[in-house]
Amino acid sequence: MKSINKRKKIFGNVERPRLNVYKSLKHIHAQIIDDDSQKTIVGLSTQIVKKGNKMERSVVLGKEIAKRAKEEGVTKVVFDRGKFKYHGRIKAFADAAREGGLNF
């Protein structure tokens, strides 16, 4: 219920799509979504990263999603962390995405 209530408040559009993050026990999945057209602009997971611990993989994923978002012409996003607290791997991912050039 917590993630559904937060999802009602967070909405992405063409100018500022939504950066959605999901954390499982092993991986982090991230998508940049345009809610107006219901299209995923960029989607990545830590499954593409072969080396490093979970925290290091999260940082690599944040930089990679920022790089691919820039290629698609996206620089501003709305950060949707869902039901997850803003610490640990989620914070590392967000900080790396900011370093990569995303604004949120």
PDB file of N, CA and C in Angstrom:
ATOM      1  N   MET A   1       0.813  -1.193   0.000  1.00  0.00           N
ATOM      2  CA  MET A   1       0.000   0.000   0.000  1.00  0.00           C
ATOM      3  C   MET A   1       0.859   1.260   0.000  1.00  0.00           C
ATOM      4  N   LYS A   2       1.991   1.217   0.672  1.00  0.00           N
ATOM      5  CA  LYS A   2       2.838   2.388   0.779  1.00  0.00           C
ATOM      6  C   LYS A   2       3.311   2.840  -0.600  1.00  0.00           C
ATOM      7  N   SER A   3       3.730   1.885  -1.441  1.00  0.00           N
ATOM      8  CA  SER A   3       4.224   2.251  -2.761  1.00  0.00           C
ATOM      9  C   SER A   3       3.098   2.755  -3.649  1.00  0.00           C
ATOM     10  N   ILE A   4       1.882   2.232  -3.481  1.00  0.00           N
ATOM     11  CA  ILE A   4       0.746   2.694  -4.277  1.00  0.00           C
ATOM     12  C   ILE A   4       0.401   4.129  -3.915  1.00  0.00           C
ATOM     13  N   ASN A   5       0.404   4.454  -2.643  1.00  0.00           N
ATOM     14  CA  ASN A   5       0.097   5.817  -2.217  1.00  0.00           C
ATOM     15  C   ASN A   5       1.140   6.805  -2.720  1.00  0.00           C
ATOM     16  N   LYS A   6       2.411   6.435  -2.693  1.00  0.00           N
ATOM     17  CA  LYS A   6       3.460   7.310  -3.195  1.00  0.00           C
ATOM     18  C   LYS A   6       3.359   7.461  -4.700  1.00  0.00           C
ATOM     19  N   ARG A   7       2.983   6.397  -5.379  1.00  0.00           N
ATOM     20  CA  ARG A   7       2.892   6.391  -6.829  1.00  0.00           C
ATOM     21  C   ARG A   7       1.807   7.357  -7.322  1.00  0.00           C
ATOM     22  N   LYS A   8       0.782   7.576  -6.524  1.00  0.00           N
ATOM     23  CA  LYS A   8      -0.273   8.519  -6.893  1.00  0.00           C
ATOM     24  C   LYS A   8       0.267   9.945  -6.959  1.00  0.00           C
ATOM     25  N   LYS A   9       1.252  10.251  -6.149  1.00  0.00           N
ATOM     26  CA  LYS A   9       1.785  11.600  -6.060  1.00  0.00           C
ATOM     27  C   LYS A   9       2.894  11.865  -7.073  1.00  0.00           C
ATOM     28  N   ILE A  10       3.601  10.834  -7.496  1.00  0.00           N
ATOM     29  CA  ILE A  10       4.751  10.987  -8.378  1.00  0.00           C
ATOM     30  C   ILE A  10       4.325  10.664  -9.802  1.00  0.00           C
ATOM     31  N   PHE A  11       4.535  11.626 -10.710  1.00  0.00           N
ATOM     32  CA  PHE A  11       4.109  11.451 -12.087  1.00  0.00           C
ATOM     33  C   PHE A  11       5.159  12.056 -13.005  1.00  0.00           C
ATOM     34  N   GLY A  12       5.527  11.332 -14.050  1.00  0.00           N
ATOM     35  CA  GLY A  12       6.503  11.820 -15.007  1.00  0.00           C
ATOM     36  C   GLY A  12       5.831  12.200 -16.309  1.00  0.00           C
ATOM     37  N   ASN A  13       6.424  13.161 -17.022  1.00  0.00           N
ATOM     38  CA  ASN A  13       5.910  13.557 -18.324  1.00  0.00           C
ATOM     39  C   ASN A  13       7.064  13.669 -19.302  1.00  0.00           C
ATOM     40  N   VAL A  14       6.815  14.249 -20.472  1.00  0.00           N
ATOM     41  CA  VAL A  14       7.845  14.315 -21.496  1.00  0.00           C
ATOM     42  C   VAL A  14       9.025  15.181 -21.041  1.00  0.00           C
ATOM     43  N   GLU A  15       8.740  16.321 -20.411  1.00  0.00           N
ATOM     44  CA  GLU A  15       9.817  17.217 -19.974  1.00  0.00           C
ATOM     45  C   GLU A  15      10.597  16.635 -18.804  1.00  0.00           C
ATOM     46  N   ARG A  16       9.888  15.926 -17.911  1.00  0.00           N
ATOM     47  CA  ARG A  16      10.510  15.385 -16.704  1.00  0.00           C
ATOM     48  C   ARG A  16       9.991  13.986 -16.448  1.00  0.00           C
ATOM     49  N   PRO A  17      10.557  12.974 -17.123  1.00  0.00           N
ATOM     50  CA  PRO A  17      10.076  11.604 -16.916  1.00  0.00           C
ATOM     51  C   PRO A  17      10.434  11.078 -15.525  1.00  0.00           C
ATOM     52  N   ARG A  18       9.823   9.966 -15.169  1.00  0.00           N
ATOM     53  CA  ARG A  18       9.991   9.374 -13.835  1.00  0.00           C
ATOM     54  C   ARG A  18      11.128   8.351 -13.869  1.00  0.00           C
ATOM     55  N   LEU A  19      12.053   8.463 -12.921  1.00  0.00           N
ATOM     56  CA  LEU A  19      13.121   7.480 -12.743  1.00  0.00           C
ATOM     57  C   LEU A  19      12.685   6.530 -11.633  1.00  0.00           C
ATOM     58  N   ASN A  20      12.239   5.355 -12.028  1.00  0.00           N
ATOM     59  CA  ASN A  20      11.719   4.360 -11.098  1.00  0.00           C
ATOM     60  C   ASN A  20      12.834   3.392 -10.716  1.00  0.00           C
ATOM     61  N   VAL A  21      12.947   3.092  -9.425  1.00  0.00           N
ATOM     62  CA  VAL A  21      13.982   2.192  -8.924  1.00  0.00           C
ATOM     63  C   VAL A  21      13.322   1.069  -8.132  1.00  0.00           C
ATOM     64  N   TYR A  22      13.727  -0.164  -8.428  1.00  0.00           N
ATOM     65  CA  TYR A  22      13.260  -1.322  -7.671  1.00  0.00           C
ATOM     66  C   TYR A  22      14.477  -2.084  -7.173  1.00  0.00           C
ATOM     67  N   LYS A  23      14.460  -2.463  -5.912  1.00  0.00           N
ATOM     68  CA  LYS A  23      15.595  -3.166  -5.305  1.00  0.00           C
ATOM     69  C   LYS A  23      15.146  -4.558  -4.884  1.00  0.00           C
ATOM     70  N   SER A  24      15.854  -5.577  -5.372  1.00  0.00           N
ATOM     71  CA  SER A  24      15.632  -6.939  -4.896  1.00  0.00           C
ATOM     72  C   SER A  24      16.808  -7.319  -4.003  1.00  0.00           C
ATOM     73  N   LEU A  25      16.845  -8.549  -3.550  1.00  0.00           N
ATOM     74  CA  LEU A  25      17.947  -8.969  -2.686  1.00  0.00           C
ATOM     75  C   LEU A  25      19.285  -8.957  -3.415  1.00  0.00           C
ATOM     76  N   LYS A  26      19.276  -9.250  -4.709  1.00  0.00           N
ATOM     77  CA  LYS A  26      20.528  -9.333  -5.462  1.00  0.00           C
ATOM     78  C   LYS A  26      20.779  -8.150  -6.388  1.00  0.00           C
ATOM     79  N   HIS A  27      19.734  -7.551  -6.927  1.00  0.00           N
ATOM     80  CA  HIS A  27      19.905  -6.562  -7.990  1.00  0.00           C
ATOM     81  C   HIS A  27      19.073  -5.317  -7.754  1.00  0.00           C
ATOM     82  N   ILE A  28      19.396  -4.293  -8.546  1.00  0.00           N
ATOM     83  CA  ILE A  28      18.590  -3.073  -8.629  1.00  0.00           C
ATOM     84  C   ILE A  28      18.162  -2.922 -10.081  1.00  0.00           C
ATOM     85  N   HIS A  29      16.913  -2.584 -10.280  1.00  0.00           N
ATOM     86  CA  HIS A  29      16.371  -2.350 -11.607  1.00  0.00           C
ATOM     87  C   HIS A  29      15.932  -0.893 -11.670  1.00  0.00           C
ATOM     88  N   ALA A  30      16.267  -0.213 -12.765  1.00  0.00           N
ATOM     89  CA  ALA A  30      15.912   1.195 -12.920  1.00  0.00           C
ATOM     90  C   ALA A  30      15.330   1.426 -14.303  1.00  0.00           C
ATOM     91  N   GLN A  31      14.288   2.247 -14.351  1.00  0.00           N
ATOM     92  CA  GLN A  31      13.652   2.604 -15.604  1.00  0.00           C
ATOM     93  C   GLN A  31      13.364   4.099 -15.607  1.00  0.00           C
ATOM     94  N   ILE A  32      13.514   4.711 -16.772  1.00  0.00           N
ATOM     95  CA  ILE A  32      13.061   6.079 -16.962  1.00  0.00           C
ATOM     96  C   ILE A  32      11.800   5.990 -17.809  1.00  0.00           C
ATOM     97  N   ILE A  33      10.682   6.461 -17.232  1.00  0.00           N
ATOM     98  CA  ILE A  33       9.365   6.229 -17.822  1.00  0.00           C
ATOM     99  C   ILE A  33       8.667   7.560 -18.097  1.00  0.00           C
ATOM    100  N   ASP A  34       8.095   7.675 -19.299  1.00  0.00           N
ATOM    101  CA  ASP A  34       7.219   8.787 -19.636  1.00  0.00           C
ATOM    102  C   ASP A  34       5.790   8.323 -19.371  1.00  0.00           C
ATOM    103  N   ASP A  35       5.180   8.830 -18.298  1.00  0.00           N
ATOM    104  CA  ASP A  35       3.849   8.379 -17.896  1.00  0.00           C
ATOM    105  C   ASP A  35       2.748   8.872 -18.826  1.00  0.00           C
ATOM    106  N   ASP A  36       2.979   9.979 -19.531  1.00  0.00           N
ATOM    107  CA  ASP A  36       1.968  10.474 -20.456  1.00  0.00           C
ATOM    108  C   ASP A  36       1.714   9.475 -21.587  1.00  0.00           C
ATOM    109  N   SER A  37       2.798   9.007 -22.200  1.00  0.00           N
ATOM    110  CA  SER A  37       2.652   8.064 -23.308  1.00  0.00           C
ATOM    111  C   SER A  37       2.798   6.612 -22.861  1.00  0.00           C
ATOM    112  N   GLN A  38       3.067   6.391 -21.573  1.00  0.00           N
ATOM    113  CA  GLN A  38       3.240   5.061 -20.993  1.00  0.00           C
ATOM    114  C   GLN A  38       4.333   4.266 -21.709  1.00  0.00           C
ATOM    115  N   LYS A  39       5.469   4.918 -21.926  1.00  0.00           N
ATOM    116  CA  LYS A  39       6.604   4.300 -22.608  1.00  0.00           C
ATOM    117  C   LYS A  39       7.826   4.335 -21.699  1.00  0.00           C
ATOM    118  N   THR A  40       8.606   3.262 -21.755  1.00  0.00           N
ATOM    119  CA  THR A  40       9.883   3.225 -21.064  1.00  0.00           C
ATOM    120  C   THR A  40      10.944   3.789 -21.996  1.00  0.00           C
ATOM    121  N   ILE A  41      11.613   4.840 -21.564  1.00  0.00           N
ATOM    122  CA  ILE A  41      12.643   5.479 -22.384  1.00  0.00           C
ATOM    123  C   ILE A  41      13.948   4.708 -22.257  1.00  0.00           C
ATOM    124  N   VAL A  42      14.351   4.418 -21.021  1.00  0.00           N
ATOM    125  CA  VAL A  42      15.576   3.662 -20.745  1.00  0.00           C
ATOM    126  C   VAL A  42      15.286   2.700 -19.608  1.00  0.00           C
ATOM    127  N   GLY A  43      15.765   1.478 -19.713  1.00  0.00           N
ATOM    128  CA  GLY A  43      15.629   0.501 -18.649  1.00  0.00           C
ATOM    129  C   GLY A  43      16.902  -0.304 -18.493  1.00  0.00           C
ATOM    130  N   LEU A  44      17.407  -0.385 -17.275  1.00  0.00           N
ATOM    131  CA  LEU A  44      18.651  -1.118 -17.002  1.00  0.00           C
ATOM    132  C   LEU A  44      18.549  -1.855 -15.672  1.00  0.00           C
ATOM    133  N   SER A  45      19.474  -2.782 -15.476  1.00  0.00           N
ATOM    134  CA  SER A  45      19.542  -3.546 -14.237  1.00  0.00           C
ATOM    135  C   SER A  45      21.002  -3.809 -13.906  1.00  0.00           C
ATOM    136  N   THR A  46      21.268  -4.122 -12.635  1.00  0.00           N
ATOM    137  CA  THR A  46      22.637  -4.460 -12.253  1.00  0.00           C
ATOM    138  C   THR A  46      23.040  -5.831 -12.778  1.00  0.00           C
ATOM    139  N   GLN A  47      22.145  -6.533 -13.420  1.00  0.00           N
ATOM    140  CA  GLN A  47      22.492  -7.823 -14.022  1.00  0.00           C
ATOM    141  C   GLN A  47      23.485  -7.661 -15.172  1.00  0.00           C
ATOM    142  N   ILE A  48      23.586  -6.445 -15.732  1.00  0.00           N
ATOM    143  CA  ILE A  48      24.540  -6.214 -16.818  1.00  0.00           C
ATOM    144  C   ILE A  48      25.962  -6.045 -16.290  1.00  0.00           C
ATOM    145  N   VAL A  49      26.098  -5.737 -14.977  1.00  0.00           N
ATOM    146  CA  VAL A  49      27.405  -5.524 -14.354  1.00  0.00           C
ATOM    147  C   VAL A  49      27.882  -6.855 -13.778  1.00  0.00           C
ATOM    148  N   LYS A  50      29.071  -7.273 -14.164  1.00  0.00           N
ATOM    149  CA  LYS A  50      29.561  -8.594 -13.749  1.00  0.00           C
ATOM    150  C   LYS A  50      30.444  -8.560 -12.508  1.00  0.00           C
ATOM    151  N   LYS A  51      31.138  -7.438 -12.266  1.00  0.00           N
ATOM    152  CA  LYS A  51      32.095  -7.402 -11.161  1.00  0.00           C
ATOM    153  C   LYS A  51      31.661  -6.422 -10.081  1.00  0.00           C
ATOM    154  N   GLY A  52      32.122  -6.676  -8.874  1.00  0.00           N
ATOM    155  CA  GLY A  52      31.880  -5.773  -7.758  1.00  0.00           C
ATOM    156  C   GLY A  52      30.793  -6.275  -6.831  1.00  0.00           C
ATOM    157  N   ASN A  53      30.748  -5.651  -5.655  1.00  0.00           N
ATOM    158  CA  ASN A  53      29.687  -5.995  -4.706  1.00  0.00           C
ATOM    159  C   ASN A  53      28.414  -5.214  -5.056  1.00  0.00           C
ATOM    160  N   LYS A  54      27.369  -5.382  -4.271  1.00  0.00           N
ATOM    161  CA  LYS A  54      26.076  -4.766  -4.583  1.00  0.00           C
ATOM    162  C   LYS A  54      26.148  -3.241  -4.633  1.00  0.00           C
ATOM    163  N   MET A  55      26.890  -2.656  -3.707  1.00  0.00           N
ATOM    164  CA  MET A  55      27.000  -1.202  -3.651  1.00  0.00           C
ATOM    165  C   MET A  55      27.736  -0.669  -4.884  1.00  0.00           C
ATOM    166  N   GLU A  56      28.827  -1.328  -5.265  1.00  0.00           N
ATOM    167  CA  GLU A  56      29.585  -0.902  -6.435  1.00  0.00           C
ATOM    168  C   GLU A  56      28.760  -1.050  -7.704  1.00  0.00           C
ATOM    169  N   ARG A  57      27.972  -2.106  -7.783  1.00  0.00           N
ATOM    170  CA  ARG A  57      27.105  -2.313  -8.945  1.00  0.00           C
ATOM    171  C   ARG A  57      26.041  -1.228  -9.024  1.00  0.00           C
ATOM    172  N   SER A  58      25.540  -0.790  -7.879  1.00  0.00           N
ATOM    173  CA  SER A  58      24.539   0.267  -7.856  1.00  0.00           C
ATOM    174  C   SER A  58      25.111   1.575  -8.395  1.00  0.00           C
ATOM    175  N   VAL A  59      26.342   1.868  -8.042  1.00  0.00           N
ATOM    176  CA  VAL A  59      27.003   3.079  -8.524  1.00  0.00           C
ATOM    177  C   VAL A  59      27.200   2.999 -10.039  1.00  0.00           C
ATOM    178  N   VAL A  60      27.649   1.866 -10.527  1.00  0.00           N
ATOM    179  CA  VAL A  60      27.845   1.686 -11.967  1.00  0.00           C
ATOM    180  C   VAL A  60      26.513   1.842 -12.706  1.00  0.00           C
ATOM    181  N   LEU A  61      25.446   1.282 -12.143  1.00  0.00           N
ATOM    182  CA  LEU A  61      24.130   1.385 -12.761  1.00  0.00           C
ATOM    183  C   LEU A  61      23.661   2.837 -12.809  1.00  0.00           C
ATOM    184  N   GLY A  62      23.883   3.587 -11.751  1.00  0.00           N
ATOM    185  CA  GLY A  62      23.495   5.001 -11.732  1.00  0.00           C
ATOM    186  C   GLY A  62      24.204   5.800 -12.806  1.00  0.00           C
ATOM    187  N   LYS A  63      25.501   5.582 -12.969  1.00  0.00           N
ATOM    188  CA  LYS A  63      26.255   6.292 -14.004  1.00  0.00           C
ATOM    189  C   LYS A  63      25.814   5.869 -15.397  1.00  0.00           C
ATOM    190  N   GLU A  64      25.554   4.578 -15.575  1.00  0.00           N
ATOM    191  CA  GLU A  64      25.160   4.064 -16.885  1.00  0.00           C
ATOM    192  C   GLU A  64      23.770   4.565 -17.291  1.00  0.00           C
ATOM    193  N   ILE A  65      22.842   4.605 -16.350  1.00  0.00           N
ATOM    194  CA  ILE A  65      21.495   5.092 -16.700  1.00  0.00           C
ATOM    195  C   ILE A  65      21.525   6.581 -17.008  1.00  0.00           C
ATOM    196  N   ALA A  66      22.380   7.329 -16.327  1.00  0.00           N
ATOM    197  CA  ALA A  66      22.521   8.756 -16.630  1.00  0.00           C
ATOM    198  C   ALA A  66      23.105   8.944 -18.032  1.00  0.00           C
ATOM    199  N   LYS A  67      24.073   8.130 -18.377  1.00  0.00           N
ATOM    200  CA  LYS A  67      24.691   8.219 -19.708  1.00  0.00           C
ATOM    201  C   LYS A  67      23.675   7.908 -20.805  1.00  0.00           C
ATOM    202  N   ARG A  68      22.910   6.845 -20.616  1.00  0.00           N
ATOM    203  CA  ARG A  68      21.921   6.465 -21.631  1.00  0.00           C
ATOM    204  C   ARG A  68      20.760   7.452 -21.695  1.00  0.00           C
ATOM    205  N   ALA A  69      20.419   8.041 -20.568  1.00  0.00           N
ATOM    206  CA  ALA A  69      19.356   9.049 -20.562  1.00  0.00           C
ATOM    207  C   ALA A  69      19.793  10.283 -21.346  1.00  0.00           C
ATOM    208  N   LYS A  70      21.047  10.688 -21.182  1.00  0.00           N
ATOM    209  CA  LYS A  70      21.564  11.820 -21.942  1.00  0.00           C
ATOM    210  C   LYS A  70      21.520  11.542 -23.439  1.00  0.00           C
ATOM    211  N   GLU A  71      21.828  10.301 -23.830  1.00  0.00           N
ATOM    212  CA  GLU A  71      21.761   9.924 -25.239  1.00  0.00           C
ATOM    213  C   GLU A  71      20.346  10.057 -25.783  1.00  0.00           C
ATOM    214  N   GLU A  72      19.356   9.834 -24.930  1.00  0.00           N
ATOM    215  CA  GLU A  72      17.949   9.960 -25.327  1.00  0.00           C
ATOM    216  C   GLU A  72      17.431  11.389 -25.178  1.00  0.00           C
ATOM    217  N   GLY A  73      18.270  12.287 -24.674  1.00  0.00           N
ATOM    218  CA  GLY A  73      17.877  13.683 -24.526  1.00  0.00           C
ATOM    219  C   GLY A  73      17.175  14.006 -23.215  1.00  0.00           C
ATOM    220  N   VAL A  74      17.345  13.173 -22.200  1.00  0.00           N
ATOM    221  CA  VAL A  74      16.711  13.383 -20.899  1.00  0.00           C
ATOM    222  C   VAL A  74      17.764  13.847 -19.896  1.00  0.00           C
ATOM    223  N   THR A  75      17.526  15.007 -19.272  1.00  0.00           N
ATOM    224  CA  THR A  75      18.445  15.482 -18.239  1.00  0.00           C
ATOM    225  C   THR A  75      17.739  15.703 -16.904  1.00  0.00           C
ATOM    226  N   LYS A  76      16.433  15.985 -16.933  1.00  0.00           N
ATOM    227  CA  LYS A  76      15.661  16.201 -15.705  1.00  0.00           C
ATOM    228  C   LYS A  76      14.687  15.047 -15.515  1.00  0.00           C
ATOM    229  N   VAL A  77      14.650  14.503 -14.305  1.00  0.00           N
ATOM    230  CA  VAL A  77      13.751  13.393 -13.985  1.00  0.00           C
ATOM    231  C   VAL A  77      13.107  13.611 -12.621  1.00  0.00           C
ATOM    232  N   VAL A  78      12.049  12.848 -12.371  1.00  0.00           N
ATOM    233  CA  VAL A  78      11.417  12.785 -11.057  1.00  0.00           C
ATOM    234  C   VAL A  78      11.834  11.451 -10.454  1.00  0.00           C
ATOM    235  N   PHE A  79      12.439  11.472  -9.280  1.00  0.00           N
ATOM    236  CA  PHE A  79      12.961  10.250  -8.668  1.00  0.00           C
ATOM    237  C   PHE A  79      11.856   9.528  -7.910  1.00  0.00           C
ATOM    238  N   ASP A  80      11.606   8.276  -8.298  1.00  0.00           N
ATOM    239  CA  ASP A  80      10.582   7.445  -7.676  1.00  0.00           C
ATOM    240  C   ASP A  80      11.279   6.250  -7.025  1.00  0.00           C
ATOM    241  N   ARG A  81      11.499   6.335  -5.711  1.00  0.00           N
ATOM    242  CA  ARG A  81      12.182   5.257  -5.003  1.00  0.00           C
ATOM    243  C   ARG A  81      11.226   4.187  -4.534  1.00  0.00           C
ATOM    244  N   GLY A  82       9.923   4.419  -4.736  1.00  0.00           N
ATOM    245  CA  GLY A  82       8.920   3.431  -4.340  1.00  0.00           C
ATOM    246  C   GLY A  82       8.855   3.285  -2.834  1.00  0.00           C
ATOM    247  N   LYS A  83       8.829   2.051  -2.371  1.00  0.00           N
ATOM    248  CA  LYS A  83       8.693   1.790  -0.939  1.00  0.00           C
ATOM    249  C   LYS A  83      10.035   1.730  -0.210  1.00  0.00           C
ATOM    250  N   PHE A  84      11.118   1.954  -0.933  1.00  0.00           N
ATOM    251  CA  PHE A  84      12.449   1.785  -0.359  1.00  0.00           C
ATOM    252  C   PHE A  84      12.953   3.072   0.275  1.00  0.00           C
ATOM    253  N   LYS A  85      13.627   2.933   1.419  1.00  0.00           N
ATOM    254  CA  LYS A  85      14.212   4.082   2.099  1.00  0.00           C
ATOM    255  C   LYS A  85      15.373   4.632   1.278  1.00  0.00           C
ATOM    256  N   TYR A  86      15.603   5.933   1.432  1.00  0.00           N
ATOM    257  CA  TYR A  86      16.686   6.586   0.711  1.00  0.00           C
ATOM    258  C   TYR A  86      17.987   6.429   1.496  1.00  0.00           C
ATOM    259  N   HIS A  87      18.557   5.239   1.435  1.00  0.00           N
ATOM    260  CA  HIS A  87      19.865   4.982   2.023  1.00  0.00           C
ATOM    261  C   HIS A  87      20.459   3.747   1.363  1.00  0.00           C
ATOM    262  N   GLY A  88      21.713   3.484   1.651  1.00  0.00           N
ATOM    263  CA  GLY A  88      22.363   2.287   1.118  1.00  0.00           C
ATOM    264  C   GLY A  88      22.472   2.297  -0.393  1.00  0.00           C
ATOM    265  N   ARG A  89      22.016   1.202  -1.016  1.00  0.00           N
ATOM    266  CA  ARG A  89      22.150   1.046  -2.463  1.00  0.00           C
ATOM    267  C   ARG A  89      21.308   2.051  -3.241  1.00  0.00           C
ATOM    268  N   ILE A  90      20.144   2.411  -2.717  1.00  0.00           N
ATOM    269  CA  ILE A  90      19.294   3.388  -3.402  1.00  0.00           C
ATOM    270  C   ILE A  90      19.973   4.760  -3.410  1.00  0.00           C
ATOM    271  N   LYS A  91      20.555   5.145  -2.286  1.00  0.00           N
ATOM    272  CA  LYS A  91      21.260   6.430  -2.193  1.00  0.00           C
ATOM    273  C   LYS A  91      22.497   6.425  -3.087  1.00  0.00           C
ATOM    274  N   ALA A  92      23.248   5.324  -3.104  1.00  0.00           N
ATOM    275  CA  ALA A  92      24.436   5.231  -3.947  1.00  0.00           C
ATOM    276  C   ALA A  92      24.058   5.351  -5.423  1.00  0.00           C
ATOM    277  N   PHE A  93      22.963   4.691  -5.810  1.00  0.00           N
ATOM    278  CA  PHE A  93      22.474   4.771  -7.182  1.00  0.00           C
ATOM    279  C   PHE A  93      22.091   6.208  -7.535  1.00  0.00           C
ATOM    280  N   ALA A  94      21.328   6.867  -6.653  1.00  0.00           N
ATOM    281  CA  ALA A  94      20.865   8.231  -6.915  1.00  0.00           C
ATOM    282  C   ALA A  94      22.031   9.208  -7.006  1.00  0.00           C
ATOM    283  N   ASP A  95      22.998   9.088  -6.119  1.00  0.00           N
ATOM    284  CA  ASP A  95      24.164   9.976  -6.146  1.00  0.00           C
ATOM    285  C   ASP A  95      24.965   9.789  -7.429  1.00  0.00           C
ATOM    286  N   ALA A  96      25.123   8.543  -7.871  1.00  0.00           N
ATOM    287  CA  ALA A  96      25.852   8.269  -9.103  1.00  0.00           C
ATOM    288  C   ALA A  96      25.097   8.800 -10.318  1.00  0.00           C
ATOM    289  N   ALA A  97      23.778   8.709 -10.302  1.00  0.00           N
ATOM    290  CA  ALA A  97      22.977   9.246 -11.412  1.00  0.00           C
ATOM    291  C   ALA A  97      23.108  10.767 -11.464  1.00  0.00           C
ATOM    292  N   ARG A  98      23.148  11.415 -10.297  1.00  0.00           N
ATOM    293  CA  ARG A  98      23.347  12.871 -10.257  1.00  0.00           C
ATOM    294  C   ARG A  98      24.727  13.236 -10.794  1.00  0.00           C
ATOM    295  N   GLU A  99      25.740  12.470 -10.397  1.00  0.00           N
ATOM    296  CA  GLU A  99      27.091  12.718 -10.898  1.00  0.00           C
ATOM    297  C   GLU A  99      27.156  12.537 -12.408  1.00  0.00           C
ATOM    298  N   GLY A 100      26.358  11.606 -12.915  1.00  0.00           N
ATOM    299  CA  GLY A 100      26.321  11.350 -14.356  1.00  0.00           C
ATOM    300  C   GLY A 100      25.604  12.425 -15.150  1.00  0.00           C
ATOM    301  N   GLY A 101      24.886  13.326 -14.471  1.00  0.00           N
ATOM    302  CA  GLY A 101      24.266  14.442 -15.167  1.00  0.00           C
ATOM    303  C   GLY A 101      22.755  14.524 -15.070  1.00  0.00           C
ATOM    304  N   LEU A 102      22.104  13.628 -14.340  1.00  0.00           N
ATOM    305  CA  LEU A 102      20.656  13.720 -14.179  1.00  0.00           C
ATOM    306  C   LEU A 102      20.320  14.690 -13.050  1.00  0.00           C
ATOM    307  N   ASN A 103      19.290  15.479 -13.256  1.00  0.00           N
ATOM    308  CA  ASN A 103      18.833  16.429 -12.233  1.00  0.00           C
ATOM    309  C   ASN A 103      17.510  15.959 -11.669  1.00  0.00           C
ATOM    310  N   PHE A 104      17.452  15.782 -10.335  1.00  0.00           N
ATOM    311  CA  PHE A 104      16.193  15.460  -9.658  1.00  0.00           C
ATOM    312  C   PHE A 104      16.267  15.897  -8.216  1.00  0.00           C
TER     313      PHE A 104
END
